[in-house]
Amino acid sequence: MQTELHNRKRWKTRPELANAIFDYLEIFHNRQRRHSALGMRTPIEFETLWTSTYSTPQFA
């Protein structure tokens, strides 16, 4: 994270840095990065596969 985020910009305030770290973790690191626990899929790919495999019909 330091080379991908911290070293690229000089942050003016701590809240600005905190927001950038939060965005990095939520958008890139947790959602786009492949995870070995998910079979080297991104969380989005895993969720799509899981819901298409295990979804049940909804009855009214």
N, C-alpha and C. Protein backbone atom coordinates (compact mmCIF):
# COMPACT_ATOMS: atom_id res chain seq x y z
N MET A 1 0.83 -1.18 0.00
CA MET A 1 0.00 0.00 0.00
C MET A 1 0.88 1.25 0.00
N GLN A 2 2.00 1.19 0.64
CA GLN A 2 2.84 2.39 0.70
C GLN A 2 3.29 2.82 -0.68
N THR A 3 3.74 1.89 -1.52
CA THR A 3 4.20 2.28 -2.85
C THR A 3 3.04 2.59 -3.78
N GLU A 4 1.89 1.96 -3.57
CA GLU A 4 0.75 2.18 -4.45
C GLU A 4 -0.05 3.43 -4.10
N LEU A 5 0.02 3.86 -2.85
CA LEU A 5 -0.81 4.99 -2.43
C LEU A 5 0.01 6.08 -1.73
N HIS A 6 0.69 5.72 -0.71
CA HIS A 6 1.33 6.70 0.17
C HIS A 6 2.44 7.50 -0.52
N ASN A 7 3.27 6.85 -1.29
CA ASN A 7 4.40 7.55 -1.90
C ASN A 7 4.04 8.35 -3.15
N ARG A 8 2.81 8.26 -3.61
CA ARG A 8 2.43 8.95 -4.85
C ARG A 8 1.97 10.38 -4.64
N LYS A 9 1.62 10.74 -3.44
CA LYS A 9 1.06 12.07 -3.22
C LYS A 9 1.42 12.55 -1.81
N ARG A 10 1.50 13.84 -1.67
CA ARG A 10 1.72 14.43 -0.35
C ARG A 10 0.35 14.87 0.17
N TRP A 11 -0.03 14.38 1.33
CA TRP A 11 -1.35 14.66 1.88
C TRP A 11 -1.28 15.89 2.78
N LYS A 12 -2.28 16.75 2.67
CA LYS A 12 -2.30 18.00 3.43
C LYS A 12 -2.78 17.77 4.86
N THR A 13 -3.76 16.91 5.04
CA THR A 13 -4.33 16.68 6.37
C THR A 13 -4.45 15.18 6.64
N ARG A 14 -4.57 14.84 7.91
CA ARG A 14 -4.77 13.44 8.28
C ARG A 14 -6.11 12.90 7.77
N PRO A 15 -7.20 13.66 7.89
CA PRO A 15 -8.47 13.15 7.36
C PRO A 15 -8.41 12.87 5.85
N GLU A 16 -7.69 13.70 5.12
CA GLU A 16 -7.54 13.48 3.68
C GLU A 16 -6.81 12.16 3.42
N LEU A 17 -5.76 11.91 4.17
CA LEU A 17 -5.03 10.65 4.05
C LEU A 17 -5.90 9.47 4.48
N ALA A 18 -6.63 9.64 5.56
CA ALA A 18 -7.50 8.57 6.05
C ALA A 18 -8.55 8.21 5.00
N ASN A 19 -9.13 9.21 4.35
CA ASN A 19 -10.11 8.95 3.30
C ASN A 19 -9.48 8.23 2.12
N ALA A 20 -8.28 8.61 1.76
CA ALA A 20 -7.59 7.96 0.64
C ALA A 20 -7.28 6.51 0.97
N ILE A 21 -6.86 6.24 2.20
CA ILE A 21 -6.59 4.86 2.61
C ILE A 21 -7.87 4.04 2.60
N PHE A 22 -8.95 4.60 3.12
CA PHE A 22 -10.23 3.90 3.13
C PHE A 22 -10.67 3.56 1.71
N ASP A 23 -10.60 4.55 0.82
CA ASP A 23 -10.98 4.31 -0.58
C ASP A 23 -10.11 3.24 -1.22
N TYR A 24 -8.81 3.28 -0.97
CA TYR A 24 -7.90 2.28 -1.53
C TYR A 24 -8.28 0.88 -1.06
N LEU A 25 -8.52 0.74 0.24
CA LEU A 25 -8.84 -0.58 0.78
C LEU A 25 -10.18 -1.08 0.29
N GLU A 26 -11.17 -0.22 0.28
CA GLU A 26 -12.51 -0.64 -0.12
C GLU A 26 -12.64 -0.87 -1.62
N ILE A 27 -12.03 -0.02 -2.42
CA ILE A 27 -12.22 -0.10 -3.87
C ILE A 27 -11.23 -1.05 -4.52
N PHE A 28 -9.95 -0.90 -4.25
CA PHE A 28 -8.97 -1.73 -4.94
C PHE A 28 -8.63 -3.00 -4.18
N HIS A 29 -8.09 -2.84 -3.00
CA HIS A 29 -7.50 -3.98 -2.29
C HIS A 29 -8.51 -5.08 -2.00
N ASN A 30 -9.66 -4.74 -1.49
CA ASN A 30 -10.62 -5.76 -1.09
C ASN A 30 -11.52 -6.24 -2.22
N ARG A 31 -11.76 -5.45 -3.23
CA ARG A 31 -12.72 -5.84 -4.26
C ARG A 31 -12.09 -6.28 -5.57
N GLN A 32 -10.96 -5.72 -5.94
CA GLN A 32 -10.36 -6.03 -7.24
C GLN A 32 -9.20 -7.01 -7.15
N ARG A 33 -8.58 -7.10 -5.98
CA ARG A 33 -7.42 -7.98 -5.82
C ARG A 33 -7.89 -9.42 -5.73
N ARG A 34 -7.17 -10.33 -6.38
CA ARG A 34 -7.50 -11.75 -6.31
C ARG A 34 -7.10 -12.30 -4.95
N HIS A 35 -7.95 -13.16 -4.39
CA HIS A 35 -7.72 -13.73 -3.08
C HIS A 35 -7.56 -15.24 -3.19
N SER A 36 -6.52 -15.78 -2.57
CA SER A 36 -6.29 -17.23 -2.63
C SER A 36 -7.42 -18.00 -1.95
N ALA A 37 -8.02 -17.43 -0.91
CA ALA A 37 -9.12 -18.10 -0.22
C ALA A 37 -10.37 -18.22 -1.09
N LEU A 38 -10.44 -17.42 -2.14
CA LEU A 38 -11.60 -17.46 -3.05
C LEU A 38 -11.25 -18.15 -4.36
N GLY A 39 -10.22 -18.97 -4.35
CA GLY A 39 -9.82 -19.67 -5.57
C GLY A 39 -9.18 -18.74 -6.59
N MET A 40 -8.42 -17.76 -6.11
CA MET A 40 -7.76 -16.76 -6.95
C MET A 40 -8.75 -15.97 -7.81
N ARG A 41 -9.91 -15.71 -7.24
CA ARG A 41 -10.92 -14.86 -7.88
C ARG A 41 -11.02 -13.56 -7.10
N THR A 42 -11.52 -12.54 -7.77
CA THR A 42 -11.80 -11.31 -7.04
C THR A 42 -13.08 -11.55 -6.24
N PRO A 43 -13.32 -10.78 -5.19
CA PRO A 43 -14.56 -10.95 -4.45
C PRO A 43 -15.81 -10.78 -5.33
N ILE A 44 -15.75 -9.89 -6.31
CA ILE A 44 -16.89 -9.70 -7.21
C ILE A 44 -17.12 -10.96 -8.05
N GLU A 45 -16.04 -11.53 -8.60
CA GLU A 45 -16.16 -12.77 -9.39
C GLU A 45 -16.71 -13.90 -8.53
N PHE A 46 -16.20 -14.03 -7.30
CA PHE A 46 -16.65 -15.09 -6.41
C PHE A 46 -18.13 -14.92 -6.07
N GLU A 47 -18.54 -13.71 -5.76
CA GLU A 47 -19.94 -13.46 -5.42
C GLU A 47 -20.86 -13.77 -6.60
N THR A 48 -20.45 -13.38 -7.80
CA THR A 48 -21.25 -13.65 -8.99
C THR A 48 -21.39 -15.15 -9.21
N LEU A 49 -20.29 -15.88 -9.09
CA LEU A 49 -20.32 -17.33 -9.26
C LEU A 49 -21.17 -17.98 -8.18
N TRP A 50 -21.01 -17.55 -6.95
CA TRP A 50 -21.75 -18.14 -5.84
C TRP A 50 -23.26 -17.90 -5.98
N THR A 51 -23.65 -16.67 -6.30
CA THR A 51 -25.08 -16.38 -6.40
C THR A 51 -25.71 -17.08 -7.59
N SER A 52 -24.97 -17.25 -8.69
CA SER A 52 -25.55 -17.97 -9.83
C SER A 52 -25.64 -19.46 -9.55
N THR A 53 -24.79 -19.98 -8.68
CA THR A 53 -24.81 -21.41 -8.36
C THR A 53 -25.81 -21.73 -7.27
N TYR A 54 -25.90 -20.90 -6.25
CA TYR A 54 -26.69 -21.22 -5.07
C TYR A 54 -27.95 -20.39 -4.90
N SER A 55 -28.30 -19.60 -5.88
CA SER A 55 -29.50 -18.79 -5.72
C SER A 55 -30.74 -19.67 -5.83
N THR A 56 -31.74 -19.33 -5.05
CA THR A 56 -33.00 -20.07 -5.07
C THR A 56 -34.09 -19.16 -5.58
N PRO A 57 -35.10 -19.74 -6.23
CA PRO A 57 -36.19 -18.90 -6.72
C PRO A 57 -36.94 -18.23 -5.57
N GLN A 58 -37.36 -17.01 -5.78
CA GLN A 58 -38.12 -16.28 -4.78
C GLN A 58 -39.62 -16.47 -5.05
N PHE A 59 -40.35 -16.85 -4.02
CA PHE A 59 -41.79 -17.03 -4.15
C PHE A 59 -42.51 -15.89 -3.47
N ALA A 60 -43.60 -15.45 -4.07
CA ALA A 60 -44.36 -14.33 -3.52
C ALA A 60 -45.29 -14.77 -2.44
